[in-house]
Amino acid sequence: MLRDTNQKETFMRRIPLLAGVIGLSLLAAPTFAAPAGPKRPNAAAKHKADPAKRDARRLAGLKAAGVDDARAQKALGTMKKFDAERKAVAESTRSSRQALKKLIQSKSSDENAYRTALSSLNAARKKMQGIQDRELAALGQILKPSEQAKLLAARRGAKRGPKR
């Protein structure tokens, strides 16, 4: 392995240095480890928005689109009216997706179960689209077309998240 005594001496001098580096890395490892506490709040708790904050954000978006206070309040009332309906349909969509996911994970060969899960998911999507269409029609009676376009652009930006 080592040919002459000079190489052996050099190797022997580096052993304490290597031991020190390994020891320090072992001591530093817990610093970089993840905290032992709860990992993350679940998605429902994380996205559970305060209704007052949500209304304030919506009102600010409407005002940024150039809507006056009276029409902004009226549009906000219209949006609130459709929120409960949208929430119920979103819950049915979520349960349909979960049922479909369970079927896929269990590698089920029951085609009727797949058909039922897919049809309920598609029905929920169509229902959600109908709610969105009715909401846009109701907002169209309150807002000018230019304001509607700005509101839709703001909503689309909110769905995509902040710019990176």
N, C-alpha and C. Protein backbone atom coordinates (compact mmCIF):
# COMPACT_ATOMS: atom_id res chain seq x y z
N MET A 1 0.81 -1.18 0.00
CA MET A 1 0.00 0.00 0.00
C MET A 1 0.87 1.26 0.00
N LEU A 2 1.58 1.51 1.08
CA LEU A 2 2.47 2.67 1.13
C LEU A 2 3.90 2.18 0.90
N ARG A 3 4.60 2.84 -0.02
CA ARG A 3 5.88 2.32 -0.46
C ARG A 3 7.04 2.67 0.47
N ASP A 4 7.16 3.91 0.79
CA ASP A 4 8.32 4.26 1.60
C ASP A 4 7.89 4.90 2.92
N THR A 5 8.83 5.14 3.75
CA THR A 5 8.53 5.68 5.08
C THR A 5 8.03 7.11 5.01
N ASN A 6 8.44 7.85 4.00
CA ASN A 6 7.99 9.24 3.84
C ASN A 6 6.49 9.29 3.61
N GLN A 7 5.98 8.39 2.79
CA GLN A 7 4.54 8.34 2.54
C GLN A 7 3.80 7.92 3.80
N LYS A 8 4.39 7.00 4.56
CA LYS A 8 3.76 6.55 5.80
C LYS A 8 3.66 7.70 6.80
N GLU A 9 4.72 8.47 6.91
CA GLU A 9 4.72 9.59 7.85
C GLU A 9 3.70 10.64 7.45
N THR A 10 3.59 10.93 6.18
CA THR A 10 2.62 11.90 5.70
C THR A 10 1.21 11.42 5.99
N PHE A 11 0.97 10.17 5.75
CA PHE A 11 -0.35 9.59 6.02
C PHE A 11 -0.67 9.65 7.51
N MET A 12 0.30 9.32 8.34
CA MET A 12 0.09 9.32 9.78
C MET A 12 -0.18 10.73 10.32
N ARG A 13 0.43 11.75 9.70
CA ARG A 13 0.18 13.12 10.14
C ARG A 13 -1.23 13.57 9.76
N ARG A 14 -1.79 13.02 8.72
CA ARG A 14 -3.12 13.44 8.25
C ARG A 14 -4.26 12.73 8.99
N ILE A 15 -4.00 11.66 9.68
CA ILE A 15 -5.04 10.93 10.40
C ILE A 15 -5.75 11.82 11.43
N PRO A 16 -5.04 12.57 12.28
CA PRO A 16 -5.76 13.44 13.23
C PRO A 16 -6.59 14.51 12.52
N LEU A 17 -6.09 15.00 11.40
CA LEU A 17 -6.85 16.00 10.64
C LEU A 17 -8.14 15.39 10.09
N LEU A 18 -8.03 14.20 9.52
CA LEU A 18 -9.22 13.53 9.00
C LEU A 18 -10.20 13.19 10.12
N ALA A 19 -9.71 12.75 11.25
CA ALA A 19 -10.58 12.45 12.39
C ALA A 19 -11.30 13.70 12.87
N GLY A 20 -10.59 14.82 12.88
CA GLY A 20 -11.21 16.09 13.28
C GLY A 20 -12.30 16.53 12.33
N VAL A 21 -12.06 16.41 11.04
CA VAL A 21 -13.06 16.78 10.03
C VAL A 21 -14.30 15.89 10.16
N ILE A 22 -14.11 14.61 10.33
CA ILE A 22 -15.24 13.68 10.47
C ILE A 22 -16.02 13.98 11.75
N GLY A 23 -15.29 14.26 12.84
CA GLY A 23 -15.95 14.58 14.11
C GLY A 23 -16.78 15.85 14.00
N LEU A 24 -16.22 16.89 13.38
CA LEU A 24 -16.97 18.13 13.22
C LEU A 24 -18.19 17.95 12.33
N SER A 25 -18.06 17.16 11.29
CA SER A 25 -19.21 16.94 10.41
C SER A 25 -20.31 16.18 11.13
N LEU A 26 -19.93 15.24 12.02
CA LEU A 26 -20.94 14.52 12.79
C LEU A 26 -21.62 15.45 13.80
N LEU A 27 -20.86 16.38 14.37
CA LEU A 27 -21.46 17.34 15.30
C LEU A 27 -22.36 18.34 14.58
N ALA A 28 -22.02 18.69 13.36
CA ALA A 28 -22.79 19.68 12.62
C ALA A 28 -24.02 19.08 11.95
N ALA A 29 -24.08 17.79 11.80
CA ALA A 29 -25.20 17.15 11.09
C ALA A 29 -26.56 17.47 11.70
N PRO A 30 -26.75 17.47 13.03
CA PRO A 30 -28.06 17.80 13.58
C PRO A 30 -28.49 19.24 13.27
N THR A 31 -27.53 20.12 13.05
CA THR A 31 -27.86 21.51 12.72
C THR A 31 -28.59 21.58 11.39
N PHE A 32 -28.20 20.76 10.44
CA PHE A 32 -28.81 20.80 9.12
C PHE A 32 -30.02 19.88 8.99
N ALA A 33 -30.29 19.11 9.99
CA ALA A 33 -31.42 18.17 9.94
C ALA A 33 -32.73 18.95 10.09
N ALA A 34 -33.80 18.33 9.67
CA ALA A 34 -35.12 18.95 9.77
C ALA A 34 -35.54 19.01 11.24
N PRO A 35 -36.33 20.02 11.61
CA PRO A 35 -36.78 20.10 13.00
C PRO A 35 -37.66 18.91 13.36
N ALA A 36 -37.66 18.55 14.63
CA ALA A 36 -38.38 17.38 15.07
C ALA A 36 -39.87 17.65 15.26
N GLY A 37 -40.29 18.90 15.20
CA GLY A 37 -41.68 19.27 15.42
C GLY A 37 -42.57 18.83 14.26
N PRO A 38 -43.79 19.34 14.23
CA PRO A 38 -44.70 18.97 13.14
C PRO A 38 -44.12 19.40 11.80
N LYS A 39 -44.31 18.55 10.82
CA LYS A 39 -43.70 18.79 9.51
C LYS A 39 -44.28 20.02 8.83
N ARG A 40 -45.53 19.95 8.50
CA ARG A 40 -46.21 21.06 7.84
C ARG A 40 -47.67 20.99 8.22
N PRO A 41 -48.32 22.13 8.24
CA PRO A 41 -49.77 22.05 8.45
C PRO A 41 -50.41 21.42 7.23
N ASN A 42 -51.51 20.72 7.45
CA ASN A 42 -52.15 20.10 6.29
C ASN A 42 -52.71 21.17 5.36
N ALA A 43 -53.02 20.80 4.16
CA ALA A 43 -53.43 21.76 3.15
C ALA A 43 -54.70 22.50 3.54
N ALA A 44 -55.62 21.82 4.19
CA ALA A 44 -56.87 22.47 4.57
C ALA A 44 -56.62 23.58 5.59
N ALA A 45 -55.76 23.32 6.56
CA ALA A 45 -55.46 24.34 7.56
C ALA A 45 -54.66 25.48 6.95
N LYS A 46 -53.78 25.15 6.04
CA LYS A 46 -52.93 26.17 5.43
C LYS A 46 -53.74 27.13 4.57
N HIS A 47 -54.69 26.60 3.84
CA HIS A 47 -55.44 27.41 2.90
C HIS A 47 -56.77 27.91 3.46
N LYS A 48 -57.01 27.65 4.73
CA LYS A 48 -58.25 28.11 5.33
C LYS A 48 -58.11 29.62 5.52
N ALA A 49 -58.74 30.36 4.66
CA ALA A 49 -58.59 31.80 4.67
C ALA A 49 -59.60 32.44 5.60
N ASP A 50 -59.18 33.52 6.22
CA ASP A 50 -60.06 34.32 7.04
C ASP A 50 -61.02 35.04 6.09
N PRO A 51 -62.34 34.88 6.27
CA PRO A 51 -63.29 35.52 5.34
C PRO A 51 -63.11 37.03 5.24
N ALA A 52 -62.77 37.68 6.34
CA ALA A 52 -62.59 39.13 6.30
C ALA A 52 -61.38 39.49 5.43
N LYS A 53 -60.30 38.71 5.55
CA LYS A 53 -59.11 38.97 4.73
C LYS A 53 -59.40 38.71 3.26
N ARG A 54 -60.15 37.62 3.00
CA ARG A 54 -60.49 37.31 1.62
C ARG A 54 -61.34 38.42 1.00
N ASP A 55 -62.31 38.91 1.77
CA ASP A 55 -63.16 39.99 1.27
C ASP A 55 -62.35 41.26 1.04
N ALA A 56 -61.40 41.54 1.93
CA ALA A 56 -60.55 42.72 1.76
C ALA A 56 -59.70 42.60 0.50
N ARG A 57 -59.16 41.38 0.25
CA ARG A 57 -58.37 41.18 -0.98
C ARG A 57 -59.22 41.34 -2.22
N ARG A 58 -60.43 40.79 -2.17
CA ARG A 58 -61.33 40.92 -3.32
C ARG A 58 -61.69 42.38 -3.57
N LEU A 59 -61.99 43.10 -2.49
CA LEU A 59 -62.36 44.51 -2.61
C LEU A 59 -61.19 45.32 -3.16
N ALA A 60 -59.98 45.02 -2.70
CA ALA A 60 -58.80 45.72 -3.21
C ALA A 60 -58.60 45.41 -4.69
N GLY A 61 -58.85 44.17 -5.10
CA GLY A 61 -58.74 43.81 -6.52
C GLY A 61 -59.76 44.52 -7.37
N LEU A 62 -60.97 44.64 -6.85
CA LEU A 62 -62.00 45.36 -7.60
C LEU A 62 -61.66 46.84 -7.73
N LYS A 63 -61.16 47.42 -6.65
CA LYS A 63 -60.79 48.84 -6.70
C LYS A 63 -59.60 49.06 -7.62
N ALA A 64 -58.67 48.09 -7.65
CA ALA A 64 -57.53 48.19 -8.56
C ALA A 64 -57.99 48.10 -10.01
N ALA A 65 -59.11 47.42 -10.24
CA ALA A 65 -59.66 47.33 -11.59
C ALA A 65 -60.43 48.59 -11.96
N GLY A 66 -60.55 49.54 -11.02
CA GLY A 66 -61.21 50.81 -11.31
C GLY A 66 -62.70 50.81 -11.01
N VAL A 67 -63.16 49.90 -10.18
CA VAL A 67 -64.57 49.82 -9.84
C VAL A 67 -64.84 50.76 -8.66
N ASP A 68 -65.92 51.56 -8.73
CA ASP A 68 -66.24 52.45 -7.62
C ASP A 68 -66.77 51.65 -6.43
N ASP A 69 -66.84 52.29 -5.26
CA ASP A 69 -67.16 51.59 -4.02
C ASP A 69 -68.52 50.89 -4.04
N ALA A 70 -69.54 51.57 -4.54
CA ALA A 70 -70.89 50.99 -4.52
C ALA A 70 -70.96 49.72 -5.37
N ARG A 71 -70.43 49.79 -6.57
CA ARG A 71 -70.46 48.61 -7.45
C ARG A 71 -69.51 47.53 -6.94
N ALA A 72 -68.41 47.93 -6.31
CA ALA A 72 -67.48 46.94 -5.76
C ALA A 72 -68.16 46.16 -4.63
N GLN A 73 -68.90 46.84 -3.77
CA GLN A 73 -69.62 46.16 -2.69
C GLN A 73 -70.69 45.22 -3.26
N LYS A 74 -71.36 45.67 -4.31
CA LYS A 74 -72.39 44.84 -4.93
C LYS A 74 -71.75 43.59 -5.57
N ALA A 75 -70.62 43.78 -6.25
CA ALA A 75 -69.92 42.65 -6.87
C ALA A 75 -69.40 41.70 -5.81
N LEU A 76 -68.92 42.25 -4.69
CA LEU A 76 -68.44 41.42 -3.59
C LEU A 76 -69.57 40.57 -3.02
N GLY A 77 -70.75 41.15 -2.91
CA GLY A 77 -71.92 40.39 -2.44
C GLY A 77 -72.27 39.26 -3.39
N THR A 78 -72.15 39.52 -4.69
CA THR A 78 -72.41 38.49 -5.68
C THR A 78 -71.40 37.35 -5.57
N MET A 79 -70.13 37.70 -5.38
CA MET A 79 -69.10 36.67 -5.24
C MET A 79 -69.35 35.83 -3.99
N LYS A 80 -69.73 36.47 -2.89
CA LYS A 80 -70.01 35.74 -1.65
C LYS A 80 -71.17 34.77 -1.83
N LYS A 81 -72.16 35.20 -2.62
CA LYS A 81 -73.34 34.36 -2.84
C LYS A 81 -72.95 33.04 -3.50
N PHE A 82 -72.00 33.09 -4.41
CA PHE A 82 -71.59 31.89 -5.13
C PHE A 82 -70.53 31.08 -4.38
N ASP A 83 -69.92 31.66 -3.34
CA ASP A 83 -68.87 30.95 -2.60
C ASP A 83 -69.38 29.65 -1.96
N ALA A 84 -70.52 29.72 -1.31
CA ALA A 84 -71.04 28.53 -0.62
C ALA A 84 -71.35 27.41 -1.61
N GLU A 85 -71.94 27.81 -2.73
CA GLU A 85 -72.27 26.83 -3.76
C GLU A 85 -70.99 26.20 -4.33
N ARG A 86 -69.99 27.05 -4.58
CA ARG A 86 -68.72 26.58 -5.13
C ARG A 86 -68.01 25.65 -4.13
N LYS A 87 -68.10 25.97 -2.85
CA LYS A 87 -67.44 25.17 -1.83
C LYS A 87 -68.01 23.75 -1.77
N ALA A 88 -69.34 23.64 -1.88
CA ALA A 88 -69.97 22.32 -1.85
C ALA A 88 -69.55 21.47 -3.04
N VAL A 89 -69.50 22.10 -4.21
CA VAL A 89 -69.09 21.36 -5.41
C VAL A 89 -67.61 21.00 -5.35
N ALA A 90 -66.79 21.88 -4.79
CA ALA A 90 -65.36 21.58 -4.65
C ALA A 90 -65.16 20.38 -3.72
N GLU A 91 -65.97 20.29 -2.69
CA GLU A 91 -65.88 19.15 -1.77
C GLU A 91 -66.26 17.85 -2.48
N SER A 92 -67.30 17.88 -3.30
CA SER A 92 -67.68 16.66 -4.02
C SER A 92 -66.61 16.29 -5.05
N THR A 93 -66.00 17.29 -5.67
CA THR A 93 -64.90 17.02 -6.61
C THR A 93 -63.74 16.36 -5.88
N ARG A 94 -63.41 16.89 -4.70
CA ARG A 94 -62.31 16.34 -3.91
C ARG A 94 -62.59 14.89 -3.53
N SER A 95 -63.83 14.61 -3.10
CA SER A 95 -64.14 13.23 -2.69
C SER A 95 -64.12 12.29 -3.90
N SER A 96 -64.54 12.79 -5.07
CA SER A 96 -64.48 11.96 -6.28
C SER A 96 -63.03 11.65 -6.66
N ARG A 97 -62.17 12.66 -6.55
CA ARG A 97 -60.75 12.44 -6.86
C ARG A 97 -60.13 11.44 -5.90
N GLN A 98 -60.49 11.56 -4.62
CA GLN A 98 -59.94 10.63 -3.64
C GLN A 98 -60.40 9.21 -3.91
N ALA A 99 -61.67 9.05 -4.29
CA ALA A 99 -62.17 7.70 -4.60
C ALA A 99 -61.44 7.12 -5.80
N LEU A 100 -61.21 7.96 -6.81
CA LEU A 100 -60.48 7.51 -7.99
C LEU A 100 -59.04 7.15 -7.63
N LYS A 101 -58.42 7.95 -6.78
CA LYS A 101 -57.04 7.69 -6.36
C LYS A 101 -56.94 6.37 -5.59
N LYS A 102 -57.93 6.09 -4.74
CA LYS A 102 -57.94 4.83 -3.99
C LYS A 102 -58.06 3.63 -4.94
N LEU A 103 -58.90 3.79 -5.96
CA LEU A 103 -59.04 2.71 -6.93
C LEU A 103 -57.73 2.45 -7.66
N ILE A 104 -57.07 3.51 -8.04
CA ILE A 104 -55.80 3.37 -8.76
C ILE A 104 -54.74 2.75 -7.86
N GLN A 105 -54.66 3.21 -6.62
CA GLN A 105 -53.64 2.69 -5.70
C GLN A 105 -53.88 1.23 -5.35
N SER A 106 -55.16 0.84 -5.26
CA SER A 106 -55.45 -0.55 -4.93
C SER A 106 -55.36 -1.47 -6.15
N LYS A 107 -55.12 -0.87 -7.31
CA LYS A 107 -55.00 -1.62 -8.57
C LYS A 107 -56.23 -2.48 -8.80
N SER A 108 -57.38 -1.85 -8.56
CA SER A 108 -58.65 -2.55 -8.70
C SER A 108 -58.92 -2.87 -10.18
N SER A 109 -59.59 -3.98 -10.41
CA SER A 109 -59.97 -4.35 -11.77
C SER A 109 -61.47 -4.17 -11.99
N ASP A 110 -62.13 -3.51 -11.05
CA ASP A 110 -63.57 -3.26 -11.13
C ASP A 110 -63.83 -2.06 -12.04
N GLU A 111 -64.16 -2.34 -13.29
CA GLU A 111 -64.37 -1.28 -14.27
C GLU A 111 -65.59 -0.41 -13.93
N ASN A 112 -66.59 -1.02 -13.32
CA ASN A 112 -67.78 -0.24 -12.95
C ASN A 112 -67.44 0.80 -11.87
N ALA A 113 -66.57 0.46 -10.96
CA ALA A 113 -66.16 1.41 -9.93
C ALA A 113 -65.40 2.58 -10.56
N TYR A 114 -64.51 2.27 -11.51
CA TYR A 114 -63.81 3.34 -12.22
C TYR A 114 -64.79 4.22 -12.97
N ARG A 115 -65.74 3.60 -13.65
CA ARG A 115 -66.74 4.34 -14.43
C ARG A 115 -67.54 5.27 -13.52
N THR A 116 -67.96 4.77 -12.37
CA THR A 116 -68.73 5.57 -11.43
C THR A 116 -67.92 6.74 -10.90
N ALA A 117 -66.66 6.49 -10.53
CA ALA A 117 -65.80 7.55 -10.01
C ALA A 117 -65.55 8.62 -11.07
N LEU A 118 -65.28 8.19 -12.29
CA LEU A 118 -65.02 9.15 -13.36
C LEU A 118 -66.27 9.96 -13.71
N SER A 119 -67.42 9.30 -13.72
CA SER A 119 -68.65 10.04 -14.06
C SER A 119 -68.99 11.05 -12.96
N SER A 120 -68.77 10.70 -11.69
CA SER A 120 -69.04 11.66 -10.63
C SER A 120 -68.06 12.83 -10.68
N LEU A 121 -66.81 12.56 -11.04
CA LEU A 121 -65.82 13.62 -11.19
C LEU A 121 -66.19 14.55 -12.34
N ASN A 122 -66.58 13.97 -13.46
CA ASN A 122 -66.98 14.80 -14.61
C ASN A 122 -68.23 15.61 -14.32
N ALA A 123 -69.18 15.02 -13.59
CA ALA A 123 -70.40 15.74 -13.23
C ALA A 123 -70.07 16.93 -12.32
N ALA A 124 -69.16 16.72 -11.39
CA ALA A 124 -68.77 17.80 -10.49
C ALA A 124 -68.05 18.91 -11.25
N ARG A 125 -67.21 18.54 -12.21
CA ARG A 125 -66.52 19.56 -13.02
C ARG A 125 -67.52 20.38 -13.84
N LYS A 126 -68.50 19.69 -14.42
CA LYS A 126 -69.52 20.41 -15.20
C LYS A 126 -70.34 21.33 -14.31
N LYS A 127 -70.64 20.86 -13.11
CA LYS A 127 -71.41 21.67 -12.17
C LYS A 127 -70.61 22.92 -11.77
N MET A 128 -69.32 22.75 -11.54
CA MET A 128 -68.45 23.88 -11.19
C MET A 128 -68.38 24.87 -12.34
N GLN A 129 -68.30 24.37 -13.56
CA GLN A 129 -68.27 25.26 -14.73
C GLN A 129 -69.57 26.04 -14.84
N GLY A 130 -70.71 25.39 -14.54
CA GLY A 130 -71.99 26.08 -14.56
C GLY A 130 -72.07 27.18 -13.51
N ILE A 131 -71.52 26.91 -12.33
CA ILE A 131 -71.50 27.94 -11.28
C ILE A 131 -70.65 29.13 -11.72
N GLN A 132 -69.49 28.84 -12.30
CA GLN A 132 -68.61 29.92 -12.76
C GLN A 132 -69.28 30.73 -13.86
N ASP A 133 -69.99 30.07 -14.77
CA ASP A 133 -70.68 30.79 -15.83
C ASP A 133 -71.77 31.69 -15.27
N ARG A 134 -72.53 31.17 -14.30
CA ARG A 134 -73.60 31.99 -13.70
C ARG A 134 -73.01 33.16 -12.92
N GLU A 135 -71.88 32.93 -12.25
CA GLU A 135 -71.25 34.02 -11.50
C GLU A 135 -70.75 35.11 -12.45
N LEU A 136 -70.14 34.71 -13.55
CA LEU A 136 -69.67 35.70 -14.52
C LEU A 136 -70.82 36.47 -15.14
N ALA A 137 -71.94 35.78 -15.38
CA ALA A 137 -73.11 36.47 -15.93
C ALA A 137 -73.65 37.49 -14.92
N ALA A 138 -73.68 37.11 -13.64
CA ALA A 138 -74.15 38.03 -12.61
C ALA A 138 -73.20 39.21 -12.45
N LEU A 139 -71.90 38.95 -12.50
CA LEU A 139 -70.93 40.05 -12.41
C LEU A 139 -70.98 40.93 -13.65
N GLY A 140 -71.35 40.34 -14.78
CA GLY A 140 -71.46 41.11 -16.02
C GLY A 140 -72.58 42.14 -15.96
N GLN A 141 -73.58 41.91 -15.14
CA GLN A 141 -74.65 42.89 -14.99
C GLN A 141 -74.23 44.03 -14.07
N ILE A 142 -73.19 43.82 -13.26
CA ILE A 142 -72.75 44.84 -12.32
C ILE A 142 -71.56 45.63 -12.87
N LEU A 143 -70.61 44.92 -13.46
CA LEU A 143 -69.35 45.53 -13.89
C LEU A 143 -69.36 45.86 -15.38
N LYS A 144 -68.55 46.85 -15.74
CA LYS A 144 -68.32 47.18 -17.15
C LYS A 144 -67.44 46.08 -17.75
N PRO A 145 -67.49 45.90 -19.06
CA PRO A 145 -66.65 44.86 -19.68
C PRO A 145 -65.16 45.03 -19.39
N SER A 146 -64.67 46.28 -19.38
CA SER A 146 -63.24 46.49 -19.09
C SER A 146 -62.91 46.07 -17.66
N GLU A 147 -63.81 46.36 -16.73
CA GLU A 147 -63.60 45.97 -15.34
C GLU A 147 -63.67 44.46 -15.18
N GLN A 148 -64.59 43.85 -15.92
CA GLN A 148 -64.70 42.39 -15.90
C GLN A 148 -63.41 41.75 -16.39
N ALA A 149 -62.86 42.28 -17.47
CA ALA A 149 -61.62 41.73 -18.03
C ALA A 149 -60.48 41.85 -17.03
N LYS A 150 -60.38 42.99 -16.35
CA LYS A 150 -59.32 43.17 -15.35
C LYS A 150 -59.51 42.22 -14.18
N LEU A 151 -60.76 42.01 -13.77
CA LEU A 151 -61.05 41.09 -12.68
C LEU A 151 -60.67 39.66 -13.06
N LEU A 152 -61.00 39.24 -14.26
CA LEU A 152 -60.65 37.89 -14.71
C LEU A 152 -59.14 37.72 -14.79
N ALA A 153 -58.43 38.75 -15.26
CA ALA A 153 -56.97 38.67 -15.33
C ALA A 153 -56.37 38.55 -13.92
N ALA A 154 -56.94 39.30 -12.96
CA ALA A 154 -56.44 39.23 -11.58
C ALA A 154 -56.71 37.85 -10.98
N ARG A 155 -57.87 37.28 -11.27
CA ARG A 155 -58.19 35.94 -10.76
C ARG A 155 -57.26 34.90 -11.35
N ARG A 156 -56.99 35.02 -12.64
CA ARG A 156 -56.09 34.07 -13.30
C ARG A 156 -54.69 34.17 -12.68
N GLY A 157 -54.25 35.38 -12.39
CA GLY A 157 -52.95 35.57 -11.75
C GLY A 157 -52.93 35.00 -10.34
N ALA A 158 -54.05 35.10 -9.64
CA ALA A 158 -54.12 34.56 -8.29
C ALA A 158 -54.06 33.04 -8.31
N LYS A 159 -54.64 32.40 -9.32
CA LYS A 159 -54.60 30.95 -9.41
C LYS A 159 -53.18 30.47 -9.69
N ARG A 160 -52.46 31.21 -10.51
CA ARG A 160 -51.11 30.79 -10.89
C ARG A 160 -50.11 31.04 -9.77
N GLY A 161 -50.41 31.96 -8.89
CA GLY A 161 -49.49 32.27 -7.81
C GLY A 161 -48.62 33.45 -8.16
N PRO A 162 -47.75 33.85 -7.23
CA PRO A 162 -46.91 35.01 -7.47
C PRO A 162 -45.89 34.76 -8.58
N LYS A 163 -45.51 35.84 -9.24
CA LYS A 163 -44.49 35.74 -10.29
C LYS A 163 -43.15 35.44 -9.65
N ARG A 164 -42.35 34.65 -10.34
CA ARG A 164 -41.04 34.30 -9.80
C ARG A 164 -39.97 35.16 -10.40
